[in-house]
C-alpha atoms as a PDB file:
ATOM      1  CA  MET A   1      -0.064   0.024   0.134  1.00  0.00           C
ATOM      2  CA  GLU A   2       1.318   3.515  -0.981  1.00  0.00           C
ATOM      3  CA  HIS A   3       1.336   6.254   1.744  1.00  0.00           C
ATOM      4  CA  SER A   4       1.217   9.918   1.118  1.00  0.00           C
ATOM      5  CA  LEU A   5       2.712  12.328   3.503  1.00  0.00           C
ATOM      6  CA  THR A   6       0.801  15.204   4.911  1.00  0.00           C
ATOM      7  CA  TRP A   7       2.977  18.255   6.049  1.00  0.00           C
ATOM      8  CA  LEU A   8       1.818  20.066   9.173  1.00  0.00           C
ATOM      9  CA  ARG A   9       3.173  23.179  10.586  1.00  0.00           C
ATOM     10  CA  VAL A  10       3.857  22.277  14.167  1.00  0.00           C
ATOM     11  CA  CYS A  11       5.664  25.431  15.625  1.00  0.00           C
ATOM     12  CA  GLY A  12       8.277  28.055  14.871  1.00  0.00           C
ATOM     13  CA  LEU A  13      12.013  27.299  14.954  1.00  0.00           C
ATOM     14  CA  ASP A  14      12.398  29.743  17.960  1.00  0.00           C
ATOM     15  CA  ASP A  15       9.846  27.389  19.845  1.00  0.00           C
ATOM     16  CA  ILE A  16      12.250  24.852  20.135  1.00  0.00           C
ATOM     17  CA  PRO A  17      15.133  25.630  22.630  1.00  0.00           C
ATOM     18  CA  ALA A  18      18.606  25.286  21.175  1.00  0.00           C
ATOM     19  CA  LEU A  19      20.125  22.269  22.321  1.00  0.00           C
ATOM     20  CA  GLY A  20      16.690  21.069  23.380  1.00  0.00           C
ATOM     21  CA  ALA A  21      13.463  19.635  22.587  1.00  0.00           C
ATOM     22  CA  ARG A  22       9.799  20.453  22.463  1.00  0.00           C
ATOM     23  CA  VAL A  23       6.863  17.831  22.677  1.00  0.00           C
ATOM     24  CA  LEU A  24       4.284  17.406  20.318  1.00  0.00           C
ATOM     25  CA  LYS A  25       1.350  15.753  22.094  1.00  0.00           C
ATOM     26  CA  ARG A  26      -1.001  13.389  20.030  1.00  0.00           C
ATOM     27  CA  ASP A  27      -4.265  11.797  20.901  1.00  0.00           C
ATOM     28  CA  GLY A  28      -4.169   8.100  20.578  1.00  0.00           C
ATOM     29  CA  ALA A  29      -0.651   8.085  19.438  1.00  0.00           C
ATOM     30  CA  ASP A  30       2.979   8.208  20.912  1.00  0.00           C
ATOM     31  CA  ASP A  31       4.219  11.820  21.553  1.00  0.00           C
ATOM     32  CA  ILE A  32       6.817  13.139  19.061  1.00  0.00           C
ATOM     33  CA  ALA A  33       9.986  14.964  20.171  1.00  0.00           C
ATOM     34  CA  LEU A  34      11.171  17.729  18.042  1.00  0.00           C
ATOM     35  CA  PHE A  35      15.000  18.562  18.670  1.00  0.00           C
ATOM     36  CA  ARG A  36      17.002  21.606  17.738  1.00  0.00           C
ATOM     37  CA  THR A  37      20.691  21.321  17.495  1.00  0.00           C
ATOM     38  CA  GLY A  38      23.182  24.131  18.031  1.00  0.00           C
ATOM     39  CA  GLU A  39      23.487  24.536  14.316  1.00  0.00           C
ATOM     40  CA  ASP A  40      19.548  25.030  14.218  1.00  0.00           C
ATOM     41  CA  ARG A  41      18.990  21.535  12.457  1.00  0.00           C
ATOM     42  CA  VAL A  42      15.666  20.150  13.576  1.00  0.00           C
ATOM     43  CA  PHE A  43      14.783  16.464  13.855  1.00  0.00           C
ATOM     44  CA  ALA A  44      11.674  14.665  15.046  1.00  0.00           C
ATOM     45  CA  LEU A  45      11.727  11.138  16.687  1.00  0.00           C
ATOM     46  CA  ARG A  46       9.048   9.258  18.717  1.00  0.00           C
ATOM     47  CA  ASP A  47       9.342  10.494  22.243  1.00  0.00           C
ATOM     48  CA  ARG A  48      10.192   6.890  23.583  1.00  0.00           C
ATOM     49  CA  CYS A  49      13.787   5.502  23.957  1.00  0.00           C
ATOM     50  CA  PRO A  50      13.931   2.019  22.208  1.00  0.00           C
ATOM     51  CA  HIS A  51      15.428   0.648  25.398  1.00  0.00           C
ATOM     52  CA  LYS A  52      13.089   1.116  28.280  1.00  0.00           C
ATOM     53  CA  GLY A  53      10.612   3.726  26.663  1.00  0.00           C
ATOM     54  CA  GLY A  54      12.211   6.899  28.442  1.00  0.00           C
ATOM     55  CA  ALA A  55      11.190  10.379  27.332  1.00  0.00           C
ATOM     56  CA  LEU A  56      13.901  11.225  24.855  1.00  0.00           C
ATOM     57  CA  SER A  57      12.745  14.908  24.947  1.00  0.00           C
ATOM     58  CA  GLN A  58      14.006  14.897  28.541  1.00  0.00           C
ATOM     59  CA  GLY A  59      17.443  13.986  27.269  1.00  0.00           C
ATOM     60  CA  ILE A  60      20.515  15.945  26.619  1.00  0.00           C
ATOM     61  CA  VAL A  61      21.172  17.026  22.954  1.00  0.00           C
ATOM     62  CA  ALA A  62      24.777  17.057  21.863  1.00  0.00           C
ATOM     63  CA  GLY A  63      25.847  17.279  18.275  1.00  0.00           C
ATOM     64  CA  ASP A  64      23.405  15.079  16.393  1.00  0.00           C
ATOM     65  CA  THR A  65      22.547  12.843  19.189  1.00  0.00           C
ATOM     66  CA  VAL A  66      20.200  12.753  22.147  1.00  0.00           C
ATOM     67  CA  THR A  67      21.070  11.059  25.380  1.00  0.00           C
ATOM     68  CA  CYS A  68      18.286   9.193  27.098  1.00  0.00           C
ATOM     69  CA  PRO A  69      17.823  10.416  30.702  1.00  0.00           C
ATOM     70  CA  LEU A  70      17.078   6.984  32.035  1.00  0.00           C
ATOM     71  CA  HIS A  71      20.007   4.814  31.194  1.00  0.00           C
ATOM     72  CA  GLY A  72      22.347   6.933  29.048  1.00  0.00           C
ATOM     73  CA  TRP A  73      21.564   5.380  25.633  1.00  0.00           C
ATOM     74  CA  ASN A  74      22.781   7.862  22.823  1.00  0.00           C
ATOM     75  CA  ILE A  75      20.278   7.839  19.989  1.00  0.00           C
ATOM     76  CA  ALA A  76      21.245   9.552  16.526  1.00  0.00           C
ATOM     77  CA  LEU A  77      18.694  12.318  15.679  1.00  0.00           C
ATOM     78  CA  GLY A  78      19.037  11.776  11.910  1.00  0.00           C
ATOM     79  CA  SER A  79      18.098   7.922  11.936  1.00  0.00           C
ATOM     80  CA  GLY A  80      16.673   7.307  15.408  1.00  0.00           C
ATOM     81  CA  GLN A  81      19.369   4.344  15.700  1.00  0.00           C
ATOM     82  CA  ALA A  82      21.041   3.795  19.096  1.00  0.00           C
ATOM     83  CA  GLN A  83      24.642   4.140  18.999  1.00  0.00           C
ATOM     84  CA  ALA A  84      27.019   1.157  19.608  1.00  0.00           C
ATOM     85  CA  PRO A  85      27.131  -0.900  21.876  1.00  0.00           C
ATOM     86  CA  ASP A  86      23.528  -0.428  22.248  1.00  0.00           C
ATOM     87  CA  VAL A  87      20.950  -1.619  19.626  1.00  0.00           C
ATOM     88  CA  GLY A  88      17.573  -0.350  18.926  1.00  0.00           C
ATOM     89  CA  CYS A  89      15.714   2.365  17.023  1.00  0.00           C
ATOM     90  CA  ALA A  90      13.243   5.243  17.637  1.00  0.00           C
ATOM     91  CA  HIS A  91      10.889   5.919  14.927  1.00  0.00           C
ATOM     92  CA  ARG A  92      11.901   8.870  13.006  1.00  0.00           C
ATOM     93  CA  PHE A  93       9.640  11.528  11.273  1.00  0.00           C
ATOM     94  CA  GLN A  94      10.518  13.735   8.380  1.00  0.00           C
ATOM     95  CA  VAL A  95      10.826  17.444   9.298  1.00  0.00           C
ATOM     96  CA  ARG A  96      11.728  20.493   7.450  1.00  0.00           C
ATOM     97  CA  VAL A  97      12.325  24.076   8.360  1.00  0.00           C
ATOM     98  CA  GLU A  98      11.060  26.801   5.969  1.00  0.00           C
ATOM     99  CA  HIS A  99      11.068  30.660   6.676  1.00  0.00           C
ATOM    100  CA  GLY A 100      11.323  29.990  10.467  1.00  0.00           C
ATOM    101  CA  ASP A 101       8.481  27.515  10.501  1.00  0.00           C
ATOM    102  CA  VAL A 102       8.750  23.987  11.392  1.00  0.00           C
ATOM    103  CA  TRP A 103       6.924  21.280   9.204  1.00  0.00           C
ATOM    104  CA  LEU A 104       6.369  17.762  10.095  1.00  0.00           C
ATOM    105  CA  ALA A 105       5.419  14.929   7.723  1.00  0.00           C
ATOM    106  CA  LEU A 106       2.855  12.430   9.034  1.00  0.00           C
ATOM    107  CA  GLU A 107       2.119   9.376   6.940  1.00  0.00           C
ATOM    108  CA  GLY A 108      -1.543   8.922   5.856  1.00  0.00           C
ATOM    109  CA  ASP A 109      -3.296   6.544   3.677  1.00  0.00           C
ATOM    110  CA  GLY A 110      -3.180   7.411   0.006  1.00  0.00           C
END
């Protein structure tokens, strides 16, 4: 089945703290954490560590990774992959920044 992407404006770039995160709450689905690096790059991951489900949005952003606050797993923001020696993956969402607005792609049936 083919999926189409729906792009939603979720916030302004300045609404996400540099080297921090903002949580997008969703009814009936896992929350999404939006992360902003020191270079103003924005990434979006499901707000659950693949290890024990810790809130990645509460972690520390350094470079292009976030460290889970529960057990110190480092998760690559670009892929959602846990860094070795840990193994696992947090679901990643496509995101783009245009004219200071942050847009998130959500899959829909199509």
